[in-house]
Amino acid sequence: MELNAILNLLADGEFHSGAELGDALGVSRTAVWKHLQKLEPLGLALTSVKGKGYCLPGGLELLDRERILGAVDASARSLVSELDLRTIADSTNTRAQARAAAGEARGYLCLAEQQTAGRGRRGRDWVSPFGKNIYLSAVWGFDGGVAALEGLSLAVGVALVAALERCGLSGASLKWPNDLLWQERKLAGILLEMSGDVDGYCQVVVGIGLNVAMPEKAAEAIDQAWVDVQAMAAAQGVAPVSRNALVAAILSELLPLLASFQSRTFTRWQERWEALDAYRDCPVALSTASSSVAGIARGVSETGALKVEVDGVLQQFHGGEISVRREGGGV
């Protein structure tokens, strides 16, 4: 609890003396010092100046439940059953899965400032530095099992692009089946995980990782071309975008989509997805653990399958352990 309190006090980027921090927290200066030592492992650069105290240069925008919910569209806010805001989590998807396993969790949301075991598609690690990006998982329930979920990850991608546009950010594109790109670099990823009956009622965890202000040091662990909202905004002459505002925009787009997806199916979002397709009519290479194929990307089907023209014949490829790359480069 003291760690959260210290972070809130230092978030303004101003200097605060040890005595001031101790008085605010009701603890000794020694206790303050011990808690300040916990900031370095979080990747936070604490500055100490004798006679002035401590500060986090540039400040820190922490996620705020009231700010987020206050900015979410009323129709979407009514779909929230619980907003679980965590300072550090192993993985927001893991937390959401645990919540779903404990019972009905429709409308449960988990956000974290940092993940220690963030996961991407195909078992990859998701680099998750403290207080810089968005790590969000949402739970929703669907009847009809796996069949009811066809194209859901693609529709979520459309919602994420719409959320960025709400914040004045344009030009994001989509890579099948679950990535957002900007200028051919990865901006965000989506990870869907299901629990329950594969043919009946199931609960789905929709995990979203969005790069907002990725530190260069943390990015050294990323094995592909990447970009963040901060760079995107600077290139477009847009003022820095608040993480809280981004989360609110995402929820305003995502939750109504989840609530209506089963009755509308992916066809409602197919045309928009294809308009945002980063690889449409481009040479692509598809690979699995055991095979590969090359062809021309031709959009997606009404169920969200990737359509590829291979030697003049149109084939469809469904989700799973398939990797797609633009021939000649690209993520």
Protein backbone atom coordinates (compact mmCIF):
# COMPACT_ATOMS: atom_id res chain seq x y z
CA MET A 1 0.00 0.00 0.00
CA GLU A 2 2.86 2.39 0.81
CA LEU A 3 4.34 1.78 -2.66
CA ASN A 4 1.14 2.94 -4.33
CA ALA A 5 0.97 5.93 -2.02
CA ILE A 6 4.58 6.95 -2.74
CA LEU A 7 4.01 6.58 -6.48
CA ASN A 8 0.98 8.85 -6.25
CA LEU A 9 2.97 11.47 -4.34
CA LEU A 10 5.89 11.38 -6.80
CA ALA A 11 3.73 11.18 -9.93
CA ASP A 12 3.70 14.99 -10.28
CA GLY A 13 7.41 14.99 -11.19
CA GLU A 14 8.23 17.51 -8.42
CA PHE A 15 10.75 17.13 -5.62
CA HIS A 16 9.47 15.87 -2.26
CA SER A 17 11.62 15.62 0.83
CA GLY A 18 11.87 12.45 2.87
CA ALA A 19 10.20 14.23 5.77
CA GLU A 20 7.33 15.37 3.55
CA LEU A 21 6.83 11.86 2.22
CA GLY A 22 7.01 10.38 5.72
CA ASP A 23 4.42 12.85 7.05
CA ALA A 24 2.07 12.19 4.15
CA LEU A 25 2.33 8.44 4.61
CA GLY A 26 2.49 8.42 8.38
CA VAL A 27 5.75 6.46 8.43
CA SER A 28 9.38 7.13 9.37
CA ARG A 29 11.97 8.46 6.93
CA THR A 30 13.69 5.09 7.18
CA ALA A 31 10.50 3.37 6.04
CA VAL A 32 10.19 5.89 3.20
CA TRP A 33 13.73 5.08 2.06
CA LYS A 34 13.02 1.34 2.07
CA HIS A 35 9.98 1.85 -0.15
CA LEU A 36 11.88 4.14 -2.48
CA GLN A 37 14.34 1.30 -3.09
CA LYS A 38 11.47 -0.65 -4.68
CA LEU A 39 11.17 1.85 -7.53
CA GLU A 40 14.39 0.94 -9.33
CA PRO A 41 13.34 -2.70 -10.00
CA LEU A 42 10.19 -1.24 -11.59
CA GLY A 43 12.35 0.60 -14.10
CA LEU A 44 11.53 3.99 -12.60
CA ALA A 45 14.44 6.46 -12.55
CA LEU A 46 14.30 8.12 -9.15
CA THR A 47 16.36 11.30 -8.79
CA SER A 48 17.69 12.32 -5.38
CA VAL A 49 19.12 15.81 -4.67
CA LYS A 50 20.43 16.76 -1.25
CA GLY A 51 18.33 19.51 0.27
CA LYS A 52 15.49 19.01 -2.22
CA GLY A 53 14.47 15.38 -1.85
CA TYR A 54 13.27 12.89 -4.41
CA CYS A 55 11.48 13.09 -7.74
CA LEU A 56 10.53 11.05 -10.79
CA PRO A 57 11.75 13.23 -13.70
CA GLY A 58 8.92 13.94 -16.10
CA GLY A 59 6.36 12.59 -13.67
CA LEU A 60 4.22 9.51 -14.10
CA GLU A 61 0.60 9.08 -15.15
CA LEU A 62 -0.87 6.28 -13.09
CA LEU A 63 -4.06 4.55 -14.08
CA ASP A 64 -7.04 5.97 -12.21
CA ARG A 65 -10.33 4.12 -11.82
CA GLU A 66 -12.48 7.24 -11.44
CA ARG A 67 -10.86 9.00 -14.42
CA ILE A 68 -11.31 5.95 -16.62
CA LEU A 69 -14.92 5.18 -15.72
CA GLY A 70 -15.83 8.85 -15.80
CA ALA A 71 -14.66 9.10 -19.42
CA VAL A 72 -16.25 5.86 -20.68
CA ASP A 73 -19.43 6.21 -22.73
CA ALA A 74 -22.47 5.63 -20.51
CA SER A 75 -23.66 2.70 -22.64
CA ALA A 76 -20.30 0.98 -22.21
CA ARG A 77 -19.96 1.86 -18.53
CA SER A 78 -23.22 0.03 -17.81
CA LEU A 79 -21.56 -3.18 -19.10
CA VAL A 80 -18.73 -3.05 -16.52
CA SER A 81 -19.27 -5.44 -13.63
CA GLU A 82 -15.85 -4.95 -11.99
CA LEU A 83 -12.73 -2.92 -12.74
CA ASP A 84 -9.78 -4.64 -11.09
CA LEU A 85 -6.87 -2.17 -11.14
CA ARG A 86 -3.56 -3.74 -10.11
CA THR A 87 -0.17 -2.18 -9.57
CA ILE A 88 1.66 -5.35 -10.61
CA ALA A 89 0.16 -8.55 -12.03
CA ASP A 90 1.73 -11.67 -13.45
CA SER A 91 -0.60 -11.30 -16.44
CA THR A 92 -3.95 -9.54 -16.75
CA ASN A 93 -5.18 -12.45 -18.87
CA THR A 94 -4.18 -14.90 -16.15
CA ARG A 95 -6.02 -12.81 -13.55
CA ALA A 96 -9.08 -12.62 -15.79
CA GLN A 97 -9.01 -16.36 -16.43
CA ALA A 98 -8.89 -17.02 -12.70
CA ARG A 99 -11.87 -14.73 -12.19
CA ALA A 100 -13.82 -16.52 -14.93
CA ALA A 101 -12.94 -19.93 -13.45
CA ALA A 102 -14.42 -18.79 -10.12
CA GLY A 103 -17.84 -18.10 -11.68
CA GLU A 104 -19.72 -15.81 -14.03
CA ALA A 105 -17.41 -12.89 -14.82
CA ARG A 106 -19.06 -11.10 -17.73
CA GLY A 107 -17.95 -7.47 -17.67
CA TYR A 108 -14.91 -8.08 -15.46
CA LEU A 109 -11.93 -5.91 -16.44
CA CYS A 110 -8.34 -6.22 -15.26
CA LEU A 111 -5.76 -3.47 -15.78
CA ALA A 112 -2.17 -3.47 -14.52
CA GLU A 113 0.62 -0.92 -14.39
CA GLN A 114 3.07 -3.74 -15.04
CA GLN A 115 3.02 -7.42 -15.94
CA THR A 116 5.74 -9.77 -14.76
CA ALA A 117 4.65 -12.62 -17.06
CA GLY A 118 2.77 -10.91 -19.88
CA ARG A 119 1.90 -13.20 -22.76
CA GLY A 120 1.42 -12.69 -26.46
CA ARG A 121 0.24 -15.01 -29.19
CA ARG A 122 2.09 -18.28 -29.81
CA GLY A 123 3.51 -18.27 -26.28
CA ARG A 124 5.68 -15.19 -26.75
CA ASP A 125 6.55 -12.88 -23.86
CA TRP A 126 4.84 -9.48 -23.89
CA VAL A 127 7.25 -6.77 -22.77
CA SER A 128 5.41 -4.89 -20.00
CA PRO A 129 7.35 -2.02 -18.37
CA PHE A 130 5.81 -0.22 -15.41
CA GLY A 131 3.39 2.65 -15.98
CA LYS A 132 4.17 3.13 -19.67
CA ASN A 133 1.74 1.05 -21.72
CA ILE A 134 -1.73 -0.46 -21.48
CA TYR A 135 -2.26 -4.04 -20.33
CA LEU A 136 -5.99 -4.78 -20.29
CA SER A 137 -8.10 -7.91 -20.16
CA ALA A 138 -11.89 -8.16 -20.38
CA VAL A 139 -14.17 -11.15 -19.79
CA TRP A 140 -17.36 -11.78 -21.72
CA GLY A 141 -19.73 -14.73 -21.98
CA PHE A 142 -21.01 -16.32 -25.18
CA ASP A 143 -23.43 -19.10 -26.02
CA GLY A 144 -22.54 -21.49 -28.83
CA GLY A 145 -18.94 -22.18 -27.89
CA VAL A 146 -16.08 -21.77 -30.34
CA ALA A 147 -18.36 -21.31 -33.33
CA ALA A 148 -19.79 -18.11 -31.83
CA LEU A 149 -16.31 -16.59 -31.61
CA GLU A 150 -15.30 -16.72 -35.27
CA GLY A 151 -13.73 -13.41 -36.24
CA LEU A 152 -13.87 -11.95 -32.72
CA SER A 153 -10.16 -11.09 -32.55
CA LEU A 154 -10.46 -9.27 -35.89
CA ALA A 155 -13.47 -7.28 -34.69
CA VAL A 156 -11.56 -6.31 -31.54
CA GLY A 157 -8.82 -4.97 -33.81
CA VAL A 158 -11.37 -2.75 -35.54
CA ALA A 159 -12.51 -1.48 -32.13
CA LEU A 160 -8.92 -0.62 -31.15
CA VAL A 161 -8.42 1.41 -34.32
CA ALA A 162 -11.68 3.26 -33.58
CA ALA A 163 -10.45 3.96 -30.03
CA LEU A 164 -7.22 5.48 -31.36
CA GLU A 165 -9.23 7.61 -33.78
CA ARG A 166 -11.30 8.89 -30.84
CA CYS A 167 -8.01 10.20 -29.45
CA GLY A 168 -7.06 11.92 -32.69
CA LEU A 169 -4.65 9.23 -33.90
CA SER A 170 -5.05 8.04 -37.48
CA GLY A 171 -3.34 5.63 -39.85
CA ALA A 172 -3.31 2.42 -37.80
CA SER A 173 -3.76 -0.76 -39.82
CA LEU A 174 -4.57 -4.38 -39.01
CA LYS A 175 -2.56 -7.53 -39.54
CA TRP A 176 -4.41 -10.84 -39.50
CA PRO A 177 -5.37 -12.18 -37.08
CA ASN A 178 -4.67 -9.98 -34.05
CA ASP A 179 -2.09 -7.20 -34.50
CA LEU A 180 -2.31 -3.44 -34.91
CA LEU A 181 0.40 -1.81 -36.99
CA TRP A 182 1.46 1.72 -37.76
CA GLN A 183 3.89 2.31 -40.59
CA GLU A 184 4.52 -1.45 -40.71
CA ARG A 185 5.58 -1.60 -37.04
CA LYS A 186 3.68 -3.34 -34.28
CA LEU A 187 1.61 -1.03 -32.10
CA ALA A 188 -0.68 -3.46 -30.25
CA GLY A 189 -1.58 -7.10 -29.93
CA ILE A 190 -4.72 -9.03 -29.02
CA LEU A 191 -4.86 -12.40 -27.24
CA LEU A 192 -8.13 -14.33 -26.85
CA GLU A 193 -8.39 -17.23 -24.41
CA MET A 194 -11.53 -19.29 -23.80
CA SER A 195 -12.80 -21.35 -20.89
CA GLY A 196 -15.99 -23.37 -20.58
CA ASP A 197 -17.94 -25.53 -23.01
CA VAL A 198 -16.45 -25.61 -26.54
CA ASP A 199 -19.97 -26.22 -27.88
CA GLY A 200 -22.07 -24.35 -25.32
CA TYR A 201 -21.69 -21.46 -22.91
CA CYS A 202 -18.13 -20.20 -22.57
CA GLN A 203 -16.32 -17.21 -21.17
CA VAL A 204 -13.70 -15.47 -23.27
CA VAL A 205 -10.82 -13.35 -22.02
CA VAL A 206 -9.91 -10.60 -24.46
CA GLY A 207 -6.38 -9.43 -23.72
CA ILE A 208 -5.02 -6.20 -25.19
CA GLY A 209 -1.47 -4.89 -25.04
CA LEU A 210 -0.97 -1.38 -26.44
CA ASN A 211 2.43 0.34 -26.60
CA VAL A 212 1.97 3.90 -25.34
CA ALA A 213 5.40 5.18 -24.27
CA MET A 214 7.72 2.21 -24.52
CA PRO A 215 11.12 2.88 -22.89
CA GLU A 216 14.05 2.11 -25.19
CA LYS A 217 15.68 -0.04 -22.51
CA ALA A 218 12.61 -2.26 -22.15
CA ALA A 219 12.23 -2.42 -25.93
CA GLU A 220 15.58 -4.19 -26.24
CA ALA A 221 13.70 -7.39 -25.42
CA ILE A 222 11.28 -6.98 -28.36
CA ASP A 223 12.23 -9.16 -31.34
CA GLN A 224 10.33 -7.29 -34.08
CA ALA A 225 9.79 -3.77 -35.38
CA TRP A 226 7.63 -1.84 -32.92
CA VAL A 227 6.13 1.61 -32.40
CA ASP A 228 4.18 3.34 -29.66
CA VAL A 229 1.36 5.87 -29.36
CA GLN A 230 3.81 8.54 -28.25
CA ALA A 231 5.76 8.32 -31.54
CA MET A 232 2.55 8.08 -33.53
CA ALA A 233 1.15 11.23 -31.90
CA ALA A 234 4.38 13.18 -32.35
CA ALA A 235 4.52 12.32 -36.05
CA GLN A 236 0.93 13.48 -36.51
CA GLY A 237 1.25 16.69 -34.48
CA VAL A 238 -1.13 15.37 -31.83
CA ALA A 239 -0.68 16.30 -28.16
CA PRO A 240 0.52 13.47 -25.90
CA VAL A 241 -2.39 11.15 -25.20
CA SER A 242 -3.27 10.18 -21.64
CA ARG A 243 -3.23 6.48 -20.84
CA ASN A 244 -6.44 6.92 -18.85
CA ALA A 245 -8.10 8.54 -21.88
CA LEU A 246 -6.88 5.70 -24.09
CA VAL A 247 -8.27 3.06 -21.75
CA ALA A 248 -11.62 4.87 -21.62
CA ALA A 249 -11.73 5.08 -25.43
CA ILE A 250 -10.90 1.37 -25.73
CA LEU A 251 -13.62 0.37 -23.28
CA SER A 252 -16.15 2.62 -25.02
CA GLU A 253 -15.52 0.71 -28.26
CA LEU A 254 -14.76 -2.77 -26.92
CA LEU A 255 -17.58 -3.42 -24.46
CA PRO A 256 -20.49 -2.66 -26.84
CA LEU A 257 -18.76 -4.84 -29.42
CA LEU A 258 -18.58 -7.78 -27.00
CA ALA A 259 -22.20 -7.29 -25.98
CA SER A 260 -23.44 -7.34 -29.57
CA PHE A 261 -20.97 -9.64 -31.31
CA GLN A 262 -22.88 -12.89 -31.01
CA SER A 263 -26.08 -11.49 -32.54
CA ARG A 264 -24.27 -9.59 -35.30
CA THR A 265 -21.32 -11.99 -35.97
CA PHE A 266 -18.16 -10.84 -37.68
CA THR A 267 -19.97 -9.77 -40.85
CA ARG A 268 -20.81 -6.48 -39.09
CA TRP A 269 -17.08 -5.64 -38.94
CA GLN A 270 -15.76 -7.43 -42.04
CA GLU A 271 -15.86 -4.47 -44.44
CA ARG A 272 -14.16 -2.16 -41.97
CA TRP A 273 -11.49 -4.75 -41.22
CA GLU A 274 -10.71 -5.17 -44.89
CA ALA A 275 -10.42 -1.40 -45.32
CA LEU A 276 -7.77 -1.46 -42.58
CA ASP A 277 -5.96 -4.59 -43.83
CA ALA A 278 -2.21 -3.85 -43.85
CA TYR A 279 -1.46 -6.70 -46.28
CA ARG A 280 -4.40 -6.54 -48.68
CA ASP A 281 -3.28 -7.57 -52.20
CA CYS A 282 0.33 -7.94 -51.02
CA PRO A 283 2.58 -11.02 -51.37
CA VAL A 284 2.61 -12.86 -48.03
CA ALA A 285 4.22 -15.92 -46.52
CA LEU A 286 2.29 -18.10 -44.06
CA SER A 287 4.06 -20.57 -41.82
CA THR A 288 3.23 -23.10 -39.15
CA ALA A 289 5.48 -25.39 -37.16
CA SER A 290 5.46 -27.91 -40.00
CA SER A 291 4.70 -26.13 -43.28
CA SER A 292 4.72 -22.85 -45.21
CA VAL A 293 2.89 -21.35 -48.16
CA ALA A 294 3.25 -18.17 -50.20
CA GLY A 295 0.59 -16.22 -52.07
CA ILE A 296 -1.31 -12.96 -52.35
CA ALA A 297 -3.46 -11.75 -49.44
CA ARG A 298 -7.05 -11.18 -50.56
CA GLY A 299 -8.80 -10.02 -47.41
CA VAL A 300 -10.88 -12.12 -45.03
CA SER A 301 -14.02 -14.24 -45.19
CA GLU A 302 -17.28 -13.54 -43.36
CA THR A 303 -16.03 -15.85 -40.59
CA GLY A 304 -12.67 -14.07 -40.30
CA ALA A 305 -10.54 -16.60 -42.19
CA LEU A 306 -7.59 -15.17 -44.11
CA LYS A 307 -8.02 -15.47 -47.88
CA VAL A 308 -4.82 -16.09 -49.83
CA GLU A 309 -4.48 -16.61 -53.55
CA VAL A 310 -1.99 -19.47 -54.02
CA ASP A 311 -0.98 -20.24 -57.60
CA GLY A 312 -4.19 -18.67 -58.85
CA VAL A 313 -6.44 -20.57 -56.43
CA LEU A 314 -8.14 -18.80 -53.50
CA GLN A 315 -7.58 -20.62 -50.22
CA GLN A 316 -8.78 -19.85 -46.70
CA PHE A 317 -6.70 -20.09 -43.54
CA HIS A 318 -8.15 -20.03 -40.06
CA GLY A 319 -6.58 -18.85 -36.80
CA GLY A 320 -4.30 -20.93 -34.66
CA GLU A 321 -0.56 -21.28 -34.80
CA ILE A 322 -0.17 -19.52 -38.15
CA SER A 323 2.38 -16.77 -38.68
CA VAL A 324 1.88 -14.24 -41.49
CA ARG A 325 4.63 -12.07 -42.93
CA ARG A 326 4.74 -9.71 -45.87
CA GLU A 327 7.11 -11.11 -48.50
CA GLY A 328 10.25 -9.01 -48.64
CA GLY A 329 9.92 -7.61 -45.10
CA GLY A 330 7.42 -6.40 -42.54
CA VAL A 331 6.39 -7.67 -39.13
